[in-house]
C-alpha atoms as a PDB file:
ATOM      1  CA  MET A   1      -6.031 -18.871  17.347  1.00  0.00           C
ATOM      2  CA  SER A   2      -9.395 -20.484  17.220  1.00  0.00           C
ATOM      3  CA  GLU A   3      -9.357 -21.310  13.565  1.00  0.00           C
ATOM      4  CA  ALA A   4      -6.243 -21.569  11.407  1.00  0.00           C
ATOM      5  CA  LYS A   5      -7.145 -20.092   8.032  1.00  0.00           C
ATOM      6  CA  VAL A   6      -4.450 -19.486   5.489  1.00  0.00           C
ATOM      7  CA  ILE A   7      -4.517 -15.835   4.331  1.00  0.00           C
ATOM      8  CA  LEU A   8      -1.350 -15.754   2.224  1.00  0.00           C
ATOM      9  CA  THR A   9       0.717 -18.390   0.435  1.00  0.00           C
ATOM     10  CA  VAL A  10       3.911 -17.689  -1.484  1.00  0.00           C
ATOM     11  CA  THR A  11       5.081 -20.654  -3.553  1.00  0.00           C
ATOM     12  CA  ASP A  12       8.452 -21.114  -5.378  1.00  0.00           C
ATOM     13  CA  VAL A  13       8.794 -17.323  -6.035  1.00  0.00           C
ATOM     14  CA  GLU A  14      11.700 -16.075  -8.024  1.00  0.00           C
ATOM     15  CA  ALA A  15      12.127 -12.289  -8.442  1.00  0.00           C
ATOM     16  CA  GLY A  16      14.664  -9.542  -8.639  1.00  0.00           C
ATOM     17  CA  TYR A  17      15.401  -6.078  -9.914  1.00  0.00           C
ATOM     18  CA  ILE A  18      17.452  -6.883 -12.994  1.00  0.00           C
ATOM     19  CA  LYS A  19      16.250  -9.628 -15.337  1.00  0.00           C
ATOM     20  CA  GLY A  20      18.407 -12.652 -15.093  1.00  0.00           C
ATOM     21  CA  VAL A  21      19.856 -11.639 -11.686  1.00  0.00           C
ATOM     22  CA  PRO A  22      17.313 -13.188  -9.202  1.00  0.00           C
ATOM     23  CA  ILE A  23      17.341 -12.009  -5.594  1.00  0.00           C
ATOM     24  CA  LEU A  24      14.651 -14.596  -4.603  1.00  0.00           C
ATOM     25  CA  ASN A  25      15.364 -18.103  -5.723  1.00  0.00           C
ATOM     26  CA  GLY A  26      12.233 -20.220  -5.103  1.00  0.00           C
ATOM     27  CA  VAL A  27      11.075 -18.804  -1.762  1.00  0.00           C
ATOM     28  CA  ASN A  28       8.005 -20.266   0.022  1.00  0.00           C
ATOM     29  CA  LEU A  29       5.989 -18.602   2.826  1.00  0.00           C
ATOM     30  CA  GLU A  30       2.609 -19.124   4.472  1.00  0.00           C
ATOM     31  CA  LEU A  31       0.642 -16.943   6.840  1.00  0.00           C
ATOM     32  CA  THR A  32      -2.492 -17.881   8.722  1.00  0.00           C
ATOM     33  CA  ARG A  33      -5.053 -15.451   9.956  1.00  0.00           C
ATOM     34  CA  GLY A  34      -4.039 -13.597  13.185  1.00  0.00           C
ATOM     35  CA  GLU A  35      -0.369 -14.664  12.988  1.00  0.00           C
ATOM     36  CA  LEU A  36       2.737 -12.520  13.245  1.00  0.00           C
ATOM     37  CA  VAL A  37       5.357 -14.046  10.871  1.00  0.00           C
ATOM     38  CA  SER A  38       8.868 -12.623  10.764  1.00  0.00           C
ATOM     39  CA  ILE A  39      11.388 -12.829   7.972  1.00  0.00           C
ATOM     40  CA  ILE A  40      15.002 -12.645   9.106  1.00  0.00           C
ATOM     41  CA  GLY A  41      18.383 -13.320   7.667  1.00  0.00           C
ATOM     42  CA  PRO A  42      21.660 -11.567   6.683  1.00  0.00           C
ATOM     43  CA  ASN A  43      21.908  -8.482   4.511  1.00  0.00           C
ATOM     44  CA  GLY A  44      21.161  -9.281   0.928  1.00  0.00           C
ATOM     45  CA  ALA A  45      19.183 -12.428   1.731  1.00  0.00           C
ATOM     46  CA  GLY A  46      16.072 -11.116  -0.087  1.00  0.00           C
ATOM     47  CA  LYS A  47      13.913 -10.228   2.823  1.00  0.00           C
ATOM     48  CA  SER A  48      12.711  -6.846   1.662  1.00  0.00           C
ATOM     49  CA  THR A  49      12.559  -8.128  -1.929  1.00  0.00           C
ATOM     50  CA  LEU A  50      10.096 -10.826  -0.713  1.00  0.00           C
ATOM     51  CA  ILE A  51       7.752  -8.364   0.990  1.00  0.00           C
ATOM     52  CA  LYS A  52       7.952  -5.993  -1.980  1.00  0.00           C
ATOM     53  CA  THR A  53       6.925  -8.846  -4.275  1.00  0.00           C
ATOM     54  CA  VAL A  54       3.971  -9.739  -2.084  1.00  0.00           C
ATOM     55  CA  PHE A  55       2.763  -6.114  -2.193  1.00  0.00           C
ATOM     56  CA  GLY A  56       3.152  -5.789  -5.932  1.00  0.00           C
ATOM     57  CA  LEU A  57       6.151  -3.484  -6.115  1.00  0.00           C
ATOM     58  CA  LEU A  58       7.903  -6.320  -7.922  1.00  0.00           C
ATOM     59  CA  THR A  59       6.374  -8.928 -10.241  1.00  0.00           C
ATOM     60  CA  PRO A  60       7.618 -12.459  -9.650  1.00  0.00           C
ATOM     61  CA  TRP A  61       9.295 -14.099 -12.625  1.00  0.00           C
ATOM     62  CA  ARG A  62       8.198 -17.493 -11.434  1.00  0.00           C
ATOM     63  CA  GLY A  63       5.952 -18.943  -8.782  1.00  0.00           C
ATOM     64  CA  SER A  64       2.760 -17.575  -7.231  1.00  0.00           C
ATOM     65  CA  VAL A  65       1.428 -15.287  -4.564  1.00  0.00           C
ATOM     66  CA  ILE A  66      -2.043 -16.333  -3.370  1.00  0.00           C
ATOM     67  CA  LEU A  67      -4.071 -13.990  -1.198  1.00  0.00           C
ATOM     68  CA  ARG A  68      -7.265 -15.636   0.209  1.00  0.00           C
ATOM     69  CA  ASP A  69      -7.498 -18.102  -2.635  1.00  0.00           C
ATOM     70  CA  GLU A  70      -6.910 -15.413  -5.254  1.00  0.00           C
ATOM     71  CA  GLU A  71      -3.823 -15.288  -7.455  1.00  0.00           C
ATOM     72  CA  VAL A  72      -2.360 -11.811  -7.042  1.00  0.00           C
ATOM     73  CA  SER A  73       1.050 -12.200  -8.517  1.00  0.00           C
ATOM     74  CA  GLY A  74       1.894  -9.072 -10.493  1.00  0.00           C
ATOM     75  CA  LEU A  75      -0.981  -6.961  -9.243  1.00  0.00           C
ATOM     76  CA  LYS A  76       0.015  -3.372  -8.553  1.00  0.00           C
ATOM     77  CA  PRO A  77       0.177  -1.871  -5.040  1.00  0.00           C
ATOM     78  CA  HIS A  78      -3.072   0.042  -5.375  1.00  0.00           C
ATOM     79  CA  SER A  79      -4.798  -3.193  -6.206  1.00  0.00           C
ATOM     80  CA  MET A  80      -3.316  -4.900  -3.142  1.00  0.00           C
ATOM     81  CA  VAL A  81      -4.528  -1.971  -0.937  1.00  0.00           C
ATOM     82  CA  ALA A  82      -7.959  -2.488  -2.396  1.00  0.00           C
ATOM     83  CA  ARG A  83      -7.649  -6.106  -1.332  1.00  0.00           C
ATOM     84  CA  ASP A  84      -7.071  -5.014   2.294  1.00  0.00           C
ATOM     85  CA  VAL A  85      -3.263  -5.251   2.327  1.00  0.00           C
ATOM     86  CA  GLY A  86      -1.300  -2.497   4.157  1.00  0.00           C
ATOM     87  CA  TYR A  87       2.405  -1.889   3.694  1.00  0.00           C
ATOM     88  CA  VAL A  88       4.958   0.188   5.649  1.00  0.00           C
ATOM     89  CA  PRO A  89       8.148   0.616   3.728  1.00  0.00           C
ATOM     90  CA  GLN A  90      11.499   0.990   5.573  1.00  0.00           C
ATOM     91  CA  THR A  91      12.184   4.478   4.225  1.00  0.00           C
ATOM     92  CA  ASN A  92      10.210   7.379   2.752  1.00  0.00           C
ATOM     93  CA  ASN A  93       7.124   6.135   4.567  1.00  0.00           C
ATOM     94  CA  VAL A  94       5.586   9.412   5.680  1.00  0.00           C
ATOM     95  CA  PHE A  95       4.810  12.806   4.017  1.00  0.00           C
ATOM     96  CA  PRO A  96       7.054  15.053   6.105  1.00  0.00           C
ATOM     97  CA  SER A  97       5.465  18.332   4.939  1.00  0.00           C
ATOM     98  CA  LEU A  98       1.985  17.155   5.980  1.00  0.00           C
ATOM     99  CA  THR A  99       0.682  17.100   9.537  1.00  0.00           C
ATOM    100  CA  VAL A 100       0.178  13.872  11.397  1.00  0.00           C
ATOM    101  CA  GLU A 101      -3.603  14.108  10.841  1.00  0.00           C
ATOM    102  CA  GLU A 102      -3.140  14.801   7.103  1.00  0.00           C
ATOM    103  CA  ASN A 103      -0.892  11.745   6.819  1.00  0.00           C
ATOM    104  CA  LEU A 104      -3.536   9.596   8.347  1.00  0.00           C
ATOM    105  CA  GLU A 105      -6.112  10.997   5.975  1.00  0.00           C
ATOM    106  CA  MET A 106      -3.912   9.966   3.008  1.00  0.00           C
ATOM    107  CA  GLY A 107      -4.259   6.408   4.272  1.00  0.00           C
ATOM    108  CA  ALA A 108      -8.007   6.465   3.682  1.00  0.00           C
ATOM    109  CA  PHE A 109      -7.821   7.753   0.121  1.00  0.00           C
ATOM    110  CA  LEU A 110      -9.814   4.768  -1.291  1.00  0.00           C
ATOM    111  CA  GLU A 111     -12.626   5.318   1.239  1.00  0.00           C
ATOM    112  CA  PRO A 112     -12.459   8.978   2.436  1.00  0.00           C
ATOM    113  CA  GLN A 113     -15.804   8.617   4.157  1.00  0.00           C
ATOM    114  CA  LEU A 114     -14.132   6.423   6.734  1.00  0.00           C
ATOM    115  CA  ALA A 115     -11.345   8.911   7.622  1.00  0.00           C
ATOM    116  CA  ARG A 116     -12.982  10.603  10.536  1.00  0.00           C
ATOM    117  CA  GLU A 117     -13.967   7.305  12.286  1.00  0.00           C
ATOM    118  CA  ARG A 118     -10.550   5.743  11.547  1.00  0.00           C
ATOM    119  CA  LYS A 119      -8.577   8.686  12.776  1.00  0.00           C
ATOM    120  CA  LYS A 120     -10.339   8.453  16.107  1.00  0.00           C
ATOM    121  CA  VAL A 121      -9.396   4.764  16.337  1.00  0.00           C
ATOM    122  CA  MET A 122      -5.746   5.446  15.419  1.00  0.00           C
ATOM    123  CA  PHE A 123      -5.472   8.290  17.952  1.00  0.00           C
ATOM    124  CA  ASP A 124      -6.858   5.939  20.544  1.00  0.00           C
ATOM    125  CA  TRP A 125      -4.296   3.212  19.643  1.00  0.00           C
ATOM    126  CA  PHE A 126      -1.379   5.688  19.289  1.00  0.00           C
ATOM    127  CA  PRO A 127      -1.964   8.422  21.961  1.00  0.00           C
ATOM    128  CA  VAL A 128       1.268  10.297  21.108  1.00  0.00           C
ATOM    129  CA  LEU A 129      -0.110  10.865  17.536  1.00  0.00           C
ATOM    130  CA  ALA A 130      -3.249  12.430  19.026  1.00  0.00           C
ATOM    131  CA  GLU A 131      -0.968  14.848  20.911  1.00  0.00           C
ATOM    132  CA  LYS A 132       0.990  15.590  17.781  1.00  0.00           C
ATOM    133  CA  ARG A 133      -2.000  15.613  15.329  1.00  0.00           C
ATOM    134  CA  LYS A 134      -1.350  19.167  14.033  1.00  0.00           C
ATOM    135  CA  ALA A 135       2.475  18.908  13.941  1.00  0.00           C
ATOM    136  CA  ARG A 136       4.370  18.518  10.691  1.00  0.00           C
ATOM    137  CA  THR A 137       5.414  14.932  10.467  1.00  0.00           C
ATOM    138  CA  GLY A 138       8.930  15.933   9.471  1.00  0.00           C
ATOM    139  CA  THR A 139       9.425  17.521  12.860  1.00  0.00           C
ATOM    140  CA  LEU A 140       8.765  14.278  14.762  1.00  0.00           C
ATOM    141  CA  SER A 141      11.281  11.874  16.106  1.00  0.00           C
ATOM    142  CA  GLY A 142      12.137   8.753  14.109  1.00  0.00           C
ATOM    143  CA  GLY A 143      10.046   6.600  16.379  1.00  0.00           C
ATOM    144  CA  GLN A 144       7.039   8.869  16.098  1.00  0.00           C
ATOM    145  CA  ARG A 145       7.326   9.035  12.325  1.00  0.00           C
ATOM    146  CA  GLN A 146       7.297   5.202  12.210  1.00  0.00           C
ATOM    147  CA  LEU A 147       4.144   5.273  14.271  1.00  0.00           C
ATOM    148  CA  VAL A 148       2.600   7.698  11.842  1.00  0.00           C
ATOM    149  CA  ALA A 149       3.532   5.327   8.997  1.00  0.00           C
ATOM    150  CA  MET A 150       2.063   2.335  10.777  1.00  0.00           C
ATOM    151  CA  ALA A 151      -1.156   4.199  11.657  1.00  0.00           C
ATOM    152  CA  ARG A 152      -1.645   5.435   8.089  1.00  0.00           C
ATOM    153  CA  ALA A 153      -1.286   1.850   6.789  1.00  0.00           C
ATOM    154  CA  LEU A 154      -3.947   0.763   9.310  1.00  0.00           C
ATOM    155  CA  MET A 155      -6.406   3.517   8.337  1.00  0.00           C
ATOM    156  CA  PRO A 156      -8.314   1.414   5.677  1.00  0.00           C
ATOM    157  CA  LYS A 157      -8.624  -1.598   8.125  1.00  0.00           C
ATOM    158  CA  PRO A 158      -6.293  -3.944   6.194  1.00  0.00           C
ATOM    159  CA  ASP A 159      -6.615  -7.659   6.646  1.00  0.00           C
ATOM    160  CA  LEU A 160      -2.847  -8.107   6.249  1.00  0.00           C
ATOM    161  CA  LEU A 161      -0.087  -5.688   7.409  1.00  0.00           C
ATOM    162  CA  LEU A 162       3.417  -5.853   5.806  1.00  0.00           C
ATOM    163  CA  LEU A 163       6.176  -4.181   7.805  1.00  0.00           C
ATOM    164  CA  ASP A 164       9.601  -3.714   6.260  1.00  0.00           C
ATOM    165  CA  GLU A 165      12.312  -3.120   8.937  1.00  0.00           C
ATOM    166  CA  PRO A 166      10.120  -1.173  11.392  1.00  0.00           C
ATOM    167  CA  SER A 167      12.904  -0.717  13.986  1.00  0.00           C
ATOM    168  CA  ALA A 168      15.682   0.339  11.545  1.00  0.00           C
ATOM    169  CA  GLY A 169      17.654   3.344  12.701  1.00  0.00           C
ATOM    170  CA  LEU A 170      15.730   3.891  15.799  1.00  0.00           C
ATOM    171  CA  SER A 171      17.025   4.533  19.311  1.00  0.00           C
ATOM    172  CA  PRO A 172      16.721   1.643  21.840  1.00  0.00           C
ATOM    173  CA  HIS A 173      13.758   3.449  23.546  1.00  0.00           C
ATOM    174  CA  ASN A 174      11.929   3.879  20.249  1.00  0.00           C
ATOM    175  CA  VAL A 175      12.702   0.305  19.316  1.00  0.00           C
ATOM    176  CA  ASP A 176      10.914  -0.842  22.481  1.00  0.00           C
ATOM    177  CA  GLU A 177       7.947   1.397  21.689  1.00  0.00           C
ATOM    178  CA  ILE A 178       7.729   0.068  18.122  1.00  0.00           C
ATOM    179  CA  PHE A 179       7.675  -3.527  19.182  1.00  0.00           C
ATOM    180  CA  LEU A 180       5.129  -2.897  21.864  1.00  0.00           C
ATOM    181  CA  ARG A 181       2.888  -1.282  19.285  1.00  0.00           C
ATOM    182  CA  ILE A 182       3.340  -4.170  16.838  1.00  0.00           C
ATOM    183  CA  GLU A 183       2.350  -6.595  19.612  1.00  0.00           C
ATOM    184  CA  ASP A 184      -0.720  -4.531  20.364  1.00  0.00           C
ATOM    185  CA  ILE A 185      -1.683  -4.627  16.645  1.00  0.00           C
ATOM    186  CA  ARG A 186      -1.252  -8.356  16.480  1.00  0.00           C
ATOM    187  CA  GLU A 187      -3.403  -8.784  19.598  1.00  0.00           C
ATOM    188  CA  ARG A 188      -6.092  -6.748  17.902  1.00  0.00           C
ATOM    189  CA  GLY A 189      -6.427  -9.587  15.391  1.00  0.00           C
ATOM    190  CA  TYR A 190      -4.312  -8.298  12.501  1.00  0.00           C
ATOM    191  CA  SER A 191      -2.242 -10.725  10.378  1.00  0.00           C
ATOM    192  CA  ILE A 192       1.334  -9.403  10.087  1.00  0.00           C
ATOM    193  CA  ILE A 193       4.399 -10.188   8.064  1.00  0.00           C
ATOM    194  CA  MET A 194       7.493  -8.324   9.336  1.00  0.00           C
ATOM    195  CA  VAL A 195      10.918  -8.082   7.863  1.00  0.00           C
ATOM    196  CA  GLU A 196      13.343  -7.226  10.707  1.00  0.00           C
ATOM    197  CA  GLN A 197      17.130  -6.952  11.241  1.00  0.00           C
ATOM    198  CA  ASN A 198      16.698  -7.102  15.025  1.00  0.00           C
ATOM    199  CA  ALA A 199      16.299 -10.897  14.756  1.00  0.00           C
ATOM    200  CA  ARG A 200      16.239 -11.659  18.462  1.00  0.00           C
ATOM    201  CA  ARG A 201      13.383  -9.202  19.183  1.00  0.00           C
ATOM    202  CA  ALA A 202      11.509 -10.354  16.048  1.00  0.00           C
ATOM    203  CA  LEU A 203      11.719 -14.091  16.868  1.00  0.00           C
ATOM    204  CA  ALA A 204      10.701 -13.495  20.510  1.00  0.00           C
ATOM    205  CA  LEU A 205       7.590 -11.749  19.275  1.00  0.00           C
ATOM    206  CA  SER A 206       6.619 -13.900  16.315  1.00  0.00           C
ATOM    207  CA  ASP A 207       4.334 -16.910  16.076  1.00  0.00           C
ATOM    208  CA  ARG A 208       6.465 -18.275  13.314  1.00  0.00           C
ATOM    209  CA  ALA A 209       9.511 -17.073  11.317  1.00  0.00           C
ATOM    210  CA  TYR A 210      11.402 -17.695   8.155  1.00  0.00           C
ATOM    211  CA  VAL A 211      15.195 -17.387   7.813  1.00  0.00           C
ATOM    212  CA  LEU A 212      16.294 -16.537   4.359  1.00  0.00           C
ATOM    213  CA  GLU A 213      19.763 -16.929   2.965  1.00  0.00           C
ATOM    214  CA  GLN A 214      20.761 -16.098  -0.619  1.00  0.00           C
ATOM    215  CA  GLY A 215      17.160 -15.777  -1.630  1.00  0.00           C
ATOM    216  CA  GLN A 216      16.159 -19.242  -0.322  1.00  0.00           C
ATOM    217  CA  ASN A 217      14.446 -20.650   2.761  1.00  0.00           C
ATOM    218  CA  ARG A 218      17.085 -21.881   5.254  1.00  0.00           C
ATOM    219  CA  PHE A 219      15.035 -22.389   8.454  1.00  0.00           C
ATOM    220  CA  THR A 220      11.362 -22.281   9.300  1.00  0.00           C
ATOM    221  CA  GLY A 221       9.555 -22.739  12.538  1.00  0.00           C
ATOM    222  CA  PRO A 222       7.905 -21.187  15.644  1.00  0.00           C
ATOM    223  CA  GLY A 223       9.652 -17.905  16.586  1.00  0.00           C
ATOM    224  CA  LEU A 224      10.802 -19.069  20.056  1.00  0.00           C
ATOM    225  CA  ASP A 225      12.097 -22.440  18.665  1.00  0.00           C
ATOM    226  CA  LEU A 226      14.257 -20.561  16.165  1.00  0.00           C
ATOM    227  CA  LEU A 227      15.423 -18.110  18.819  1.00  0.00           C
ATOM    228  CA  HIS A 228      16.674 -21.056  20.847  1.00  0.00           C
ATOM    229  CA  ASP A 229      18.005 -23.123  17.986  1.00  0.00           C
ATOM    230  CA  PRO A 230      21.819 -23.420  18.278  1.00  0.00           C
ATOM    231  CA  LYS A 231      22.350 -23.358  14.528  1.00  0.00           C
ATOM    232  CA  VAL A 232      20.227 -20.252  14.035  1.00  0.00           C
ATOM    233  CA  ALA A 233      21.895 -18.559  16.979  1.00  0.00           C
ATOM    234  CA  GLN A 234      25.385 -19.307  15.668  1.00  0.00           C
ATOM    235  CA  LEU A 235      24.683 -18.247  12.086  1.00  0.00           C
ATOM    236  CA  TYR A 236      22.270 -15.283  12.551  1.00  0.00           C
ATOM    237  CA  LEU A 237      22.109 -14.187  16.153  1.00  0.00           C
ATOM    238  CA  GLY A 238      25.734 -13.685  16.970  1.00  0.00           C
ATOM    239  CA  GLY A 239      26.177 -16.924  19.009  1.00  0.00           C
ATOM    240  CA  ALA A 240      24.184 -18.593  21.696  1.00  0.00           C
END
């Protein structure tokens, strides 16, 4: 990375779904431009809650979310999209009754004049979607639907892409394909935060990573360093 410029800073964030029952207990995170940062940890650690809070699906009760020097804590998702943030949720992330092409067009709803140009780009990046462009998205495989969801999030040219469990429930072959596509997206200059249960694959791919436990930061460091850290391996990776 030629210039390390911070694009997102999460500071001392507390949030949850029921008032008085916090899932996040003072979480911190930082992302610099062009990085791929992973968030890993056991079930219930607050990983998806953190990414939802960044995107505005949850409002933090305490702390701050700073996007490019602007306080965005509590802004709604459409405001985050307008600020060039894309989000791919773990479930319900496509419109199954619409075609692949129609799904992509939905991703350009804020700037429909860009739809034709951006569809060409997405079909170039995801050739299988070009082949399936007229197919109903609900008829595709799980891996192909995930590609549709990622491509739709990329349609408005976001500065920051948030991925929540992109490999969840996929076959090993589709998992390989998804991680290859994520690596391609990162190499095209996108900044990415990825929540992922496949901790080994995520750490191997990431520039840096955060390990959460019970809504707090437990470990932070370069992805490969955490992958080879005996404590992280023992606690979160099923041993050395």
